[in-house]
């Protein structure tokens, strides 16, 4: 049965990281049990979600027509350059099952690292959202009830009260426009960020200069690079090819640009450990560790080891960041609520003093 692959419509985004982990795990299980690749993929089709089934069918028919499994996965699953390199090398060397296992472990590591970052920022994000909702509730719900009474006092109101009243009136008049800005501005920003490399680079250059946060972003990208490159070297790829493929997967443009400048020296035989010395913001222990790996013939393991050490540093940085952000946000929420309460109480207190005299 022939199917024109160009007529099949599939978006690689339908396979997220978790889906790819499950896909590689099941495929590794079937191949390890003795099934051929075609038979394993045919069985995989039966347990695939409907919106992902087209991709698996395309991979199956591509292999039936003599195509490469790695290239088909790259086209229809949207796998990264690193995973593609692992699978392609495993397919060429007859060790596809090991390559699938390594790819799954790499994806699991990336997923674990990403979840740590998200979980660490979840609590501060909840506090921030709650603070914003509480402020809006007070400004829209409480202040409109109090403002007529304060204006009816016919006395000069304190500056804080006048400021809060102005903000409350502005929120009543322009609240809908502010809500639309809050909703659509992040969406527009993300669209521009994803589609314009110059904007993405500018934003990332600013981020990596922020204390703690910048180090966190840089360490996260460097850890993924070392893990990817180390996995490729361990799979049997030459270090120069592994370095190039891993560099192409980096999403942090400033780090990617610095590493890209070293592609030619590495391809000419310059040790990776020496090239990394030239790159700013890389932790001092990385280069000596890789140098020891190069001398002992265990470069891949040394890179993976360095990645795990960086992960521990990222975890400590996340704890420091959350320990700093949480009290600041709580203090900010208290200041906002206190300012609104004072703006209401100060005029009443002033009037009570006048009446006492």
Protein backbone atom coordinates (compact mmCIF):
# COMPACT_ATOMS: atom_id res chain seq x y z
CA UNK A 1 0.00 0.00 0.00
CA UNK A 2 1.52 3.33 -1.06
CA UNK A 3 0.73 6.60 0.66
CA UNK A 4 2.15 9.92 -0.47
CA UNK A 5 3.80 11.27 2.66
CA UNK A 6 3.53 14.84 1.39
CA UNK A 7 -0.26 14.64 1.52
CA UNK A 8 -0.31 13.60 5.15
CA UNK A 9 -0.81 16.54 7.52
CA UNK A 10 0.89 16.33 10.89
CA UNK A 11 2.20 18.88 13.35
CA UNK A 12 5.26 17.80 15.36
CA UNK A 13 3.82 19.73 18.32
CA UNK A 14 1.28 16.94 18.83
CA UNK A 15 4.13 14.90 20.34
CA UNK A 16 5.35 16.64 23.47
CA UNK A 17 8.30 15.49 25.58
CA UNK A 18 6.19 13.06 27.64
CA UNK A 19 4.74 11.51 24.50
CA UNK A 20 8.22 11.03 23.03
CA UNK A 21 9.46 9.40 26.25
CA UNK A 22 6.59 6.91 26.15
CA UNK A 23 7.06 6.34 22.40
CA UNK A 24 10.78 5.54 22.74
CA UNK A 25 10.21 3.40 25.83
CA UNK A 26 7.59 1.23 24.12
CA UNK A 27 9.61 0.97 20.91
CA UNK A 28 12.72 -0.06 22.88
CA UNK A 29 10.68 -2.70 24.71
CA UNK A 30 9.34 -4.21 21.47
CA UNK A 31 12.71 -4.21 19.70
CA UNK A 32 14.50 -5.67 22.75
CA UNK A 33 11.96 -8.52 22.79
CA UNK A 34 13.05 -9.50 19.27
CA UNK A 35 10.58 -7.71 17.01
CA UNK A 36 11.73 -6.00 13.83
CA UNK A 37 11.49 -2.21 13.64
CA UNK A 38 8.57 -2.33 11.18
CA UNK A 39 6.64 -4.81 13.32
CA UNK A 40 7.33 -2.79 16.48
CA UNK A 41 6.04 0.42 14.89
CA UNK A 42 2.97 -1.41 13.56
CA UNK A 43 2.14 -2.54 17.12
CA UNK A 44 2.79 1.00 18.38
CA UNK A 45 0.08 2.30 16.06
CA UNK A 46 -2.55 0.35 17.99
CA UNK A 47 -1.89 2.11 21.29
CA UNK A 48 -1.37 5.61 19.95
CA UNK A 49 -3.78 8.48 20.47
CA UNK A 50 -5.89 9.31 17.43
CA UNK A 51 -4.32 12.71 16.82
CA UNK A 52 -0.85 11.10 16.90
CA UNK A 53 -1.65 8.06 14.81
CA UNK A 54 -0.95 9.84 11.50
CA UNK A 55 2.64 10.51 12.58
CA UNK A 56 3.25 6.86 13.50
CA UNK A 57 1.69 5.74 10.18
CA UNK A 58 3.95 8.11 8.29
CA UNK A 59 7.01 6.72 10.05
CA UNK A 60 5.89 3.17 9.25
CA UNK A 61 5.32 3.84 5.54
CA UNK A 62 8.56 5.84 5.31
CA UNK A 63 10.53 2.83 6.60
CA UNK A 64 8.56 0.50 4.30
CA UNK A 65 9.71 2.63 1.36
CA UNK A 66 13.35 2.32 2.43
CA UNK A 67 13.66 5.49 4.46
CA UNK A 68 15.59 6.01 7.67
CA UNK A 69 13.78 5.74 10.99
CA UNK A 70 15.85 8.63 12.38
CA UNK A 71 14.94 10.96 9.52
CA UNK A 72 11.28 9.92 9.66
CA UNK A 73 11.23 10.62 13.40
CA UNK A 74 12.86 13.99 12.80
CA UNK A 75 10.21 14.87 10.22
CA UNK A 76 7.06 13.52 11.86
CA UNK A 77 7.84 13.57 15.59
CA UNK A 78 9.85 16.79 15.70
CA UNK A 79 12.73 15.28 17.70
CA UNK A 80 15.71 17.51 18.51
CA UNK A 81 19.10 17.40 16.77
CA UNK A 82 20.55 15.54 19.74
CA UNK A 83 17.92 12.80 19.81
CA UNK A 84 18.14 12.58 16.02
CA UNK A 85 21.92 12.08 16.28
CA UNK A 86 21.52 9.36 18.91
CA UNK A 87 18.88 7.47 16.92
CA UNK A 88 20.71 7.87 13.60
CA UNK A 89 23.98 6.61 15.07
CA UNK A 90 22.22 3.69 16.79
CA UNK A 91 20.42 2.78 13.58
CA UNK A 92 23.66 2.83 11.58
CA UNK A 93 25.60 0.78 14.14
CA UNK A 94 22.86 -1.79 14.73
CA UNK A 95 22.34 -0.61 18.32
CA UNK A 96 18.96 1.06 17.88
CA UNK A 97 17.59 -0.30 21.14
CA UNK A 98 20.45 1.26 23.12
CA UNK A 99 20.02 4.53 21.22
CA UNK A 100 16.29 4.58 22.03
CA UNK A 101 17.11 3.95 25.69
CA UNK A 102 19.65 6.78 25.72
CA UNK A 103 17.18 9.10 23.97
CA UNK A 104 14.52 8.29 26.55
CA UNK A 105 16.93 8.98 29.41
CA UNK A 106 17.96 12.28 27.83
CA UNK A 107 14.34 13.38 27.41
CA UNK A 108 13.53 12.31 30.98
CA UNK A 109 16.47 14.33 32.26
CA UNK A 110 15.35 17.42 30.33
CA UNK A 111 11.79 16.92 31.58
CA UNK A 112 12.94 16.54 35.19
CA UNK A 113 15.08 19.67 35.00
CA UNK A 114 12.25 21.69 33.46
CA UNK A 115 9.75 20.51 36.09
CA UNK A 116 12.13 21.52 38.88
CA UNK A 117 12.27 25.04 37.47
CA UNK A 118 8.49 25.25 37.04
CA UNK A 119 7.72 23.82 40.50
CA UNK A 120 10.16 26.21 42.16
CA UNK A 121 8.41 29.23 40.63
CA UNK A 122 4.86 27.94 41.11
CA UNK A 123 4.42 29.22 44.67
CA UNK A 124 5.73 32.76 43.98
CA UNK A 125 3.50 32.88 40.87
CA UNK A 126 0.44 31.91 42.94
CA UNK A 127 1.26 34.60 45.50
CA UNK A 128 1.64 37.16 42.73
CA UNK A 129 -1.69 36.25 41.12
CA UNK A 130 -3.46 36.25 44.49
CA UNK A 131 -1.96 39.66 45.31
CA UNK A 132 -3.15 41.10 42.00
CA UNK A 133 -6.66 39.68 42.41
CA UNK A 134 -6.87 40.95 46.00
CA UNK A 135 -5.77 44.43 44.93
CA UNK A 136 -8.29 44.52 42.08
CA UNK A 137 -11.02 43.26 44.41
CA UNK A 138 -10.32 46.00 46.95
CA UNK A 139 -10.10 48.70 44.29
CA UNK A 140 -13.24 47.60 42.46
CA UNK A 141 -15.31 46.28 45.37
CA UNK A 142 -14.42 48.29 48.48
CA UNK A 143 -13.20 51.66 47.27
CA UNK A 144 -16.30 52.54 45.16
CA UNK A 145 -18.35 52.14 48.38
CA UNK A 146 -16.02 54.31 50.43
CA UNK A 147 -15.14 57.06 47.93
CA UNK A 148 -18.57 58.86 48.03
CA UNK A 149 -18.35 59.05 51.81
CA UNK A 150 -14.80 60.43 51.71
CA UNK A 151 -15.74 63.02 49.08
CA UNK A 152 -18.74 64.01 51.20
CA UNK A 153 -16.51 65.02 54.09
CA UNK A 154 -15.64 68.24 52.21
CA UNK A 155 -12.14 68.32 53.71
CA UNK A 156 -8.71 68.09 52.20
CA UNK A 157 -7.90 64.41 51.96
CA UNK A 158 -4.42 62.97 52.61
CA UNK A 159 -2.18 62.42 49.59
CA UNK A 160 -2.32 58.61 49.93
CA UNK A 161 -6.13 58.72 49.93
CA UNK A 162 -6.21 60.94 46.83
CA UNK A 163 -3.81 58.61 45.01
CA UNK A 164 -5.85 55.49 45.85
CA UNK A 165 -9.10 57.24 44.87
CA UNK A 166 -7.58 58.25 41.52
CA UNK A 167 -6.43 54.71 40.89
CA UNK A 168 -9.84 53.35 41.87
CA UNK A 169 -11.64 55.76 39.53
CA UNK A 170 -9.23 54.91 36.73
CA UNK A 171 -9.79 51.20 37.29
CA UNK A 172 -13.55 51.69 37.09
CA UNK A 173 -13.30 53.66 33.84
CA UNK A 174 -10.46 51.84 32.09
CA UNK A 175 -10.67 48.45 33.83
CA UNK A 176 -11.84 46.58 30.74
CA UNK A 177 -8.99 48.02 28.67
CA UNK A 178 -6.47 47.12 31.38
CA UNK A 179 -7.85 43.56 31.44
CA UNK A 180 -7.47 43.26 27.68
CA UNK A 181 -3.89 44.54 27.91
CA UNK A 182 -3.07 42.03 30.67
CA UNK A 183 -4.49 39.19 28.54
CA UNK A 184 -3.23 40.09 25.08
CA UNK A 185 0.11 41.76 25.84
CA UNK A 186 1.78 38.52 27.05
CA UNK A 187 0.32 36.67 24.04
CA UNK A 188 1.68 39.29 21.64
CA UNK A 189 5.03 39.28 23.41
CA UNK A 190 5.32 35.48 23.18
CA UNK A 191 4.40 35.59 19.48
CA UNK A 192 7.04 38.24 18.74
CA UNK A 193 9.57 36.43 20.97
CA UNK A 194 9.13 33.13 19.15
CA UNK A 195 9.15 34.57 15.63
CA UNK A 196 11.81 37.29 15.80
CA UNK A 197 15.32 36.10 16.60
CA UNK A 198 16.54 39.65 17.28
CA UNK A 199 13.88 40.14 19.98
CA UNK A 200 14.64 36.72 21.44
CA UNK A 201 18.34 37.47 21.57
CA UNK A 202 17.82 40.89 23.16
CA UNK A 203 15.52 39.50 25.86
CA UNK A 204 17.92 36.64 26.62
CA UNK A 205 20.89 39.02 26.80
CA UNK A 206 19.01 41.02 29.43
CA UNK A 207 17.95 37.91 31.35
CA UNK A 208 21.43 36.44 31.71
CA UNK A 209 22.66 39.70 33.24
CA UNK A 210 20.13 39.57 36.07
CA UNK A 211 21.70 38.27 39.32
CA UNK A 212 20.74 34.68 40.23
CA UNK A 213 18.16 34.48 37.40
CA UNK A 214 20.81 34.98 34.72
CA UNK A 215 23.05 32.31 36.22
CA UNK A 216 20.06 29.99 36.45
CA UNK A 217 19.17 30.36 32.76
CA UNK A 218 22.79 29.97 31.66
CA UNK A 219 23.41 26.91 33.85
CA UNK A 220 20.19 25.29 32.63
CA UNK A 221 21.20 25.64 28.96
CA UNK A 222 24.80 24.59 29.65
CA UNK A 223 23.61 21.51 31.55
CA UNK A 224 21.41 20.42 28.64
CA UNK A 225 24.29 21.03 26.21
CA UNK A 226 26.73 18.92 28.22
CA UNK A 227 24.15 16.17 28.71
CA UNK A 228 23.30 16.13 24.99
CA UNK A 229 26.93 16.22 23.85
CA UNK A 230 27.97 13.60 26.39
CA UNK A 231 25.15 11.27 25.33
CA UNK A 232 26.14 11.62 21.67
CA UNK A 233 29.80 10.90 22.44
CA UNK A 234 28.81 7.87 24.51
CA UNK A 235 26.73 6.60 21.57
CA UNK A 236 29.87 6.52 19.42
CA UNK A 237 29.72 9.81 17.52
CA UNK A 238 32.99 11.76 17.05
CA UNK A 239 33.36 14.54 19.58
CA UNK A 240 33.34 17.25 16.87
CA UNK A 241 30.05 15.96 15.40
CA UNK A 242 28.54 15.61 18.88
CA UNK A 243 29.65 19.16 19.74
CA UNK A 244 28.00 20.53 16.57
CA UNK A 245 24.74 18.62 17.04
CA UNK A 246 24.47 19.57 20.72
CA UNK A 247 25.18 23.22 19.92
CA UNK A 248 22.28 23.26 17.46
CA UNK A 249 19.85 22.23 20.23
CA UNK A 250 20.64 25.15 22.57
CA UNK A 251 17.78 27.62 22.95
CA UNK A 252 19.80 30.28 24.84
CA UNK A 253 21.10 32.35 21.92
CA UNK A 254 24.04 34.10 23.72
CA UNK A 255 25.48 30.71 24.76
CA UNK A 256 24.73 29.20 21.34
CA UNK A 257 26.56 32.05 19.59
CA UNK A 258 29.64 31.59 21.77
CA UNK A 259 29.69 27.83 21.21
CA UNK A 260 29.09 28.26 17.46
CA UNK A 261 32.31 30.29 17.21
CA UNK A 262 34.19 27.23 18.43
CA UNK A 263 32.75 24.78 15.88
CA UNK A 264 35.67 25.22 13.45
CA UNK A 265 38.42 24.89 16.12
CA UNK A 266 36.75 21.76 17.52
CA UNK A 267 36.41 20.27 14.01
CA UNK A 268 40.14 20.94 13.53
CA UNK A 269 40.99 18.86 16.58
CA UNK A 270 41.14 21.45 19.37
CA UNK A 271 39.97 19.74 22.61
CA UNK A 272 36.49 20.73 23.75
CA UNK A 273 37.81 21.44 27.24
CA UNK A 274 40.09 24.17 25.84
CA UNK A 275 37.35 25.80 23.78
CA UNK A 276 35.04 26.01 26.79
CA UNK A 277 37.68 28.01 28.67
CA UNK A 278 37.06 30.91 26.27
CA UNK A 279 33.33 31.05 26.97
CA UNK A 280 32.14 33.44 29.65
CA UNK A 281 29.95 32.44 32.60
CA UNK A 282 30.90 28.76 32.39
CA UNK A 283 31.69 27.39 35.86
CA UNK A 284 35.44 26.88 36.48
CA UNK A 285 35.14 23.15 37.26
CA UNK A 286 33.71 22.24 33.82
CA UNK A 287 36.86 22.60 31.71
CA UNK A 288 39.23 20.61 34.02
CA UNK A 289 36.62 17.86 34.36
CA UNK A 290 36.27 17.55 30.58
CA UNK A 291 40.06 17.71 30.18
CA UNK A 292 40.43 14.74 32.52
CA UNK A 293 37.79 12.91 30.50
CA UNK A 294 39.61 13.62 27.24
CA UNK A 295 42.90 12.31 28.63
CA UNK A 296 41.29 9.15 30.02
CA UNK A 297 39.05 8.49 27.00
CA UNK A 298 35.86 9.07 28.99
CA UNK A 299 34.81 12.44 27.58
CA UNK A 300 31.15 11.48 27.26
CA UNK A 301 30.88 10.31 30.87
CA UNK A 302 32.72 13.43 32.06
CA UNK A 303 30.24 15.66 30.22
CA UNK A 304 27.28 13.83 31.72
CA UNK A 305 28.90 14.06 35.15
CA UNK A 306 29.43 17.81 34.72
CA UNK A 307 25.77 18.13 33.72
CA UNK A 308 24.65 16.45 36.96
CA UNK A 309 26.89 18.74 39.02
CA UNK A 310 25.35 21.76 37.27
CA UNK A 311 21.88 20.38 38.03
CA UNK A 312 22.67 20.41 41.74
CA UNK A 313 23.80 24.02 41.41
CA UNK A 314 20.56 24.86 39.60
CA UNK A 315 18.56 23.29 42.40
CA UNK A 316 20.40 25.38 45.00
CA UNK A 317 19.91 28.54 42.88
CA UNK A 318 16.20 27.83 42.61
CA UNK A 319 15.92 27.47 46.37
CA UNK A 320 17.78 30.76 46.86
CA UNK A 321 15.58 32.49 44.30
CA UNK A 322 12.33 31.27 45.83
CA UNK A 323 13.57 32.12 49.35
CA UNK A 324 14.16 35.69 48.14
CA UNK A 325 11.06 36.09 45.98
CA UNK A 326 8.50 34.76 48.46
CA UNK A 327 9.10 37.30 51.29
CA UNK A 328 9.39 40.15 48.78
CA UNK A 329 6.02 39.27 47.22
CA UNK A 330 4.40 38.80 50.63
CA UNK A 331 5.77 42.18 51.72
CA UNK A 332 4.52 43.74 48.47
CA UNK A 333 1.04 42.32 49.03
CA UNK A 334 1.05 43.62 52.60
CA UNK A 335 2.13 47.10 51.45
CA UNK A 336 -0.64 47.29 48.84
CA UNK A 337 -3.36 46.12 51.21
CA UNK A 338 -2.01 48.34 53.99
CA UNK A 339 -1.92 51.38 51.69
CA UNK A 340 -5.57 50.86 50.71
CA UNK A 341 -6.59 50.41 54.37
CA UNK A 342 -4.64 53.52 55.43
CA UNK A 343 -6.17 55.58 52.62
CA UNK A 344 -9.59 54.79 54.10
CA UNK A 345 -8.69 55.17 57.77
CA UNK A 346 -6.59 58.35 57.61
CA UNK A 347 -9.45 60.75 56.63
CA UNK A 348 -11.76 59.18 59.23
CA UNK A 349 -9.04 59.50 61.88
CA UNK A 350 -8.45 63.16 60.96
CA UNK A 351 -12.19 63.92 61.19
CA UNK A 352 -12.42 62.21 64.58
CA UNK A 353 -9.58 64.39 65.87
CA UNK A 354 -11.35 67.53 64.69
CA UNK A 355 -14.61 66.47 66.32
CA UNK A 356 -12.82 65.78 69.62
CA UNK A 357 -11.53 69.37 69.66
